[in-house]
Amino acid sequence: MRIFLPLTAEDRSVLSAAGTRIEIAAGRPAWAVTAPARADRPGEDEEDLEYDALHDAVHVALSEAGPTSRGLVLALDVPDRALGLAEETGGAYGAVLLETVTSPLAAVHVTELTAQAAAEDDTDPALLWFDPSEGREAIAYLDGNG
């Protein structure tokens, strides 16, 4: 299952070292298109649902960033058994890792706007897509050096 994770300090060190595999600890919040989320939106395309889950994670990343910082979200795939529901804390797409997993990154997404600029804009934050091998470049952009 594809999950979306706001960046942590541990993730940052993996990306800075140009790593493309990441260990995700049990108990970590995630956002994903779970069976209940899919059932609540019958007929919606899977890509549209993933877009919504990704943006939920982006909003969390921006809320945790300083006003002049951008948000970064990792996308990766984990076994379905590794994920539990956390709708009460993560909204419709809220999930939690039930076990520690190591997974290759699928993509890295960084907001074009800073947290403050995104809050002043009434649309979903525009995202830049980085290949997993471009972790250093994603971090540089996140830090305003790209």
Protein backbone atom coordinates (compact mmCIF):
# COMPACT_ATOMS: atom_id res chain seq x y z
CA MET A 1 0.00 0.00 0.00
CA ARG A 2 1.27 3.47 -0.86
CA ILE A 3 1.75 5.68 2.20
CA PHE A 4 2.70 9.32 2.62
CA LEU A 5 4.88 10.57 5.47
CA PRO A 6 5.86 14.09 6.50
CA LEU A 7 9.63 14.41 6.84
CA THR A 8 11.35 13.69 10.16
CA ALA A 9 14.95 14.38 11.22
CA GLU A 10 15.80 10.69 10.71
CA ASP A 11 14.35 10.77 7.19
CA ARG A 12 16.32 13.91 6.45
CA SER A 13 19.60 12.18 7.24
CA VAL A 14 18.71 9.30 4.90
CA LEU A 15 17.84 11.70 2.07
CA SER A 16 20.94 13.81 2.70
CA ALA A 17 23.06 10.67 2.34
CA ALA A 18 21.33 9.93 -0.98
CA GLY A 19 19.63 6.87 0.48
CA THR A 20 16.67 5.45 -1.38
CA ARG A 21 15.53 2.96 1.28
CA ILE A 22 14.09 4.12 4.55
CA GLU A 23 13.21 2.48 7.84
CA ILE A 24 9.85 3.53 9.26
CA ALA A 25 9.30 2.82 12.95
CA ALA A 26 6.17 1.18 14.31
CA GLY A 27 3.76 3.78 15.67
CA ARG A 28 4.61 6.43 13.09
CA PRO A 29 1.62 8.32 11.65
CA ALA A 30 1.03 7.97 7.92
CA TRP A 31 -1.59 8.86 5.35
CA ALA A 32 -2.91 6.29 2.88
CA VAL A 33 -5.92 5.17 0.89
CA THR A 34 -7.25 2.57 3.30
CA ALA A 35 -10.27 0.33 2.71
CA PRO A 36 -12.58 2.57 4.81
CA ALA A 37 -11.41 5.69 2.94
CA ARG A 38 -12.05 3.94 -0.37
CA ALA A 39 -15.48 2.72 0.80
CA ASP A 40 -16.48 6.27 1.82
CA ARG A 41 -15.78 7.48 -1.72
CA PRO A 42 -17.25 4.87 -4.07
CA GLY A 43 -16.49 5.41 -7.72
CA GLU A 44 -13.56 7.75 -7.13
CA ASP A 45 -10.41 7.02 -9.06
CA GLU A 46 -7.51 5.56 -7.03
CA GLU A 47 -5.17 8.33 -8.20
CA ASP A 48 -7.61 10.99 -6.97
CA LEU A 49 -7.82 9.28 -3.59
CA GLU A 50 -4.01 9.10 -3.37
CA TYR A 51 -3.83 12.79 -4.26
CA ASP A 52 -6.13 13.57 -1.33
CA ALA A 53 -4.11 11.37 1.05
CA LEU A 54 -0.86 12.99 -0.13
CA HIS A 55 -2.27 16.46 0.49
CA ASP A 56 -3.40 15.51 3.98
CA ALA A 57 0.24 14.58 4.68
CA VAL A 58 1.42 17.81 3.04
CA HIS A 59 -0.81 19.90 5.30
CA VAL A 60 0.67 18.14 8.33
CA ALA A 61 4.20 18.72 7.01
CA LEU A 62 3.45 22.41 6.53
CA SER A 63 1.87 22.71 9.97
CA GLU A 64 5.06 21.29 11.50
CA ALA A 65 7.33 23.57 9.42
CA GLY A 66 8.26 27.07 10.43
CA PRO A 67 6.46 29.86 8.55
CA THR A 68 9.35 30.38 6.14
CA SER A 69 9.94 26.65 5.57
CA ARG A 70 8.57 24.35 2.91
CA GLY A 71 6.98 20.97 3.57
CA LEU A 72 8.38 17.62 2.42
CA VAL A 73 6.48 14.34 2.14
CA LEU A 74 7.88 10.89 1.37
CA ALA A 75 5.92 8.38 -0.67
CA LEU A 76 6.64 4.68 -0.24
CA ASP A 77 4.96 1.32 -0.36
CA VAL A 78 4.50 -0.94 2.64
CA PRO A 79 2.74 -4.28 3.10
CA ASP A 80 -0.96 -3.88 3.93
CA ARG A 81 -0.45 -5.84 7.17
CA ALA A 82 1.96 -3.15 8.41
CA LEU A 83 -0.70 -0.44 8.45
CA GLY A 84 -3.53 0.26 10.88
CA LEU A 85 -6.22 2.93 10.90
CA ALA A 86 -5.80 6.23 12.74
CA GLU A 87 -8.75 8.24 11.42
CA GLU A 88 -9.37 9.85 14.82
CA THR A 89 -5.98 11.59 14.66
CA GLY A 90 -5.22 11.64 10.92
CA GLY A 91 -8.56 12.28 9.26
CA ALA A 92 -10.12 10.12 6.56
CA TYR A 93 -6.72 8.94 5.33
CA GLY A 94 -5.06 8.65 8.73
CA ALA A 95 -3.05 5.50 9.35
CA VAL A 96 -0.32 4.27 11.65
CA LEU A 97 2.52 1.80 11.14
CA LEU A 98 1.86 -1.32 13.19
CA GLU A 99 5.35 -2.69 12.67
CA THR A 100 8.74 -1.35 11.70
CA VAL A 101 9.32 -1.63 7.96
CA THR A 102 12.15 -0.86 5.59
CA SER A 103 11.01 0.18 2.15
CA PRO A 104 12.36 1.81 -0.98
CA LEU A 105 11.15 5.36 -1.54
CA ALA A 106 8.71 5.80 -4.41
CA ALA A 107 9.00 9.60 -4.58
CA VAL A 108 9.78 12.72 -2.59
CA HIS A 109 7.41 15.70 -2.75
CA VAL A 110 8.33 19.24 -1.69
CA THR A 111 5.94 22.19 -1.56
CA GLU A 112 6.73 25.08 -3.87
CA LEU A 113 5.50 27.56 -1.28
CA THR A 114 6.58 28.11 2.27
CA ALA A 115 4.15 27.28 5.06
CA GLN A 116 3.12 30.94 5.43
CA ALA A 117 2.62 31.45 1.69
CA ALA A 118 0.65 28.20 1.44
CA ALA A 119 -1.59 29.31 4.33
CA GLU A 120 -2.34 32.56 2.49
CA ASP A 121 -3.21 30.67 -0.72
CA ASP A 122 -6.68 29.11 -0.95
CA THR A 123 -5.65 26.18 -3.17
CA ASP A 124 -3.85 22.93 -2.44
CA PRO A 125 -0.10 23.55 -2.17
CA ALA A 126 1.72 22.93 -5.43
CA LEU A 127 4.21 20.11 -5.14
CA LEU A 128 7.49 19.41 -6.84
CA TRP A 129 8.25 15.74 -7.49
CA PHE A 130 11.73 14.35 -6.89
CA ASP A 131 12.94 10.90 -7.84
CA PRO A 132 14.16 8.87 -4.81
CA SER A 133 17.73 9.21 -6.10
CA GLU A 134 17.38 13.00 -5.86
CA GLY A 135 17.08 13.12 -2.08
CA ARG A 136 19.94 15.61 -1.72
CA GLU A 137 18.33 17.90 -4.28
CA ALA A 138 14.97 17.66 -2.49
CA ILE A 139 16.62 18.62 0.81
CA ALA A 140 18.43 21.51 -0.89
CA TYR A 141 15.14 22.79 -2.30
CA LEU A 142 13.44 22.32 1.05
CA ASP A 143 16.15 24.45 2.62
CA GLY A 144 15.78 27.17 -0.03
CA ASN A 145 18.99 26.30 -1.84
CA GLY A 146 17.47 24.78 -4.95
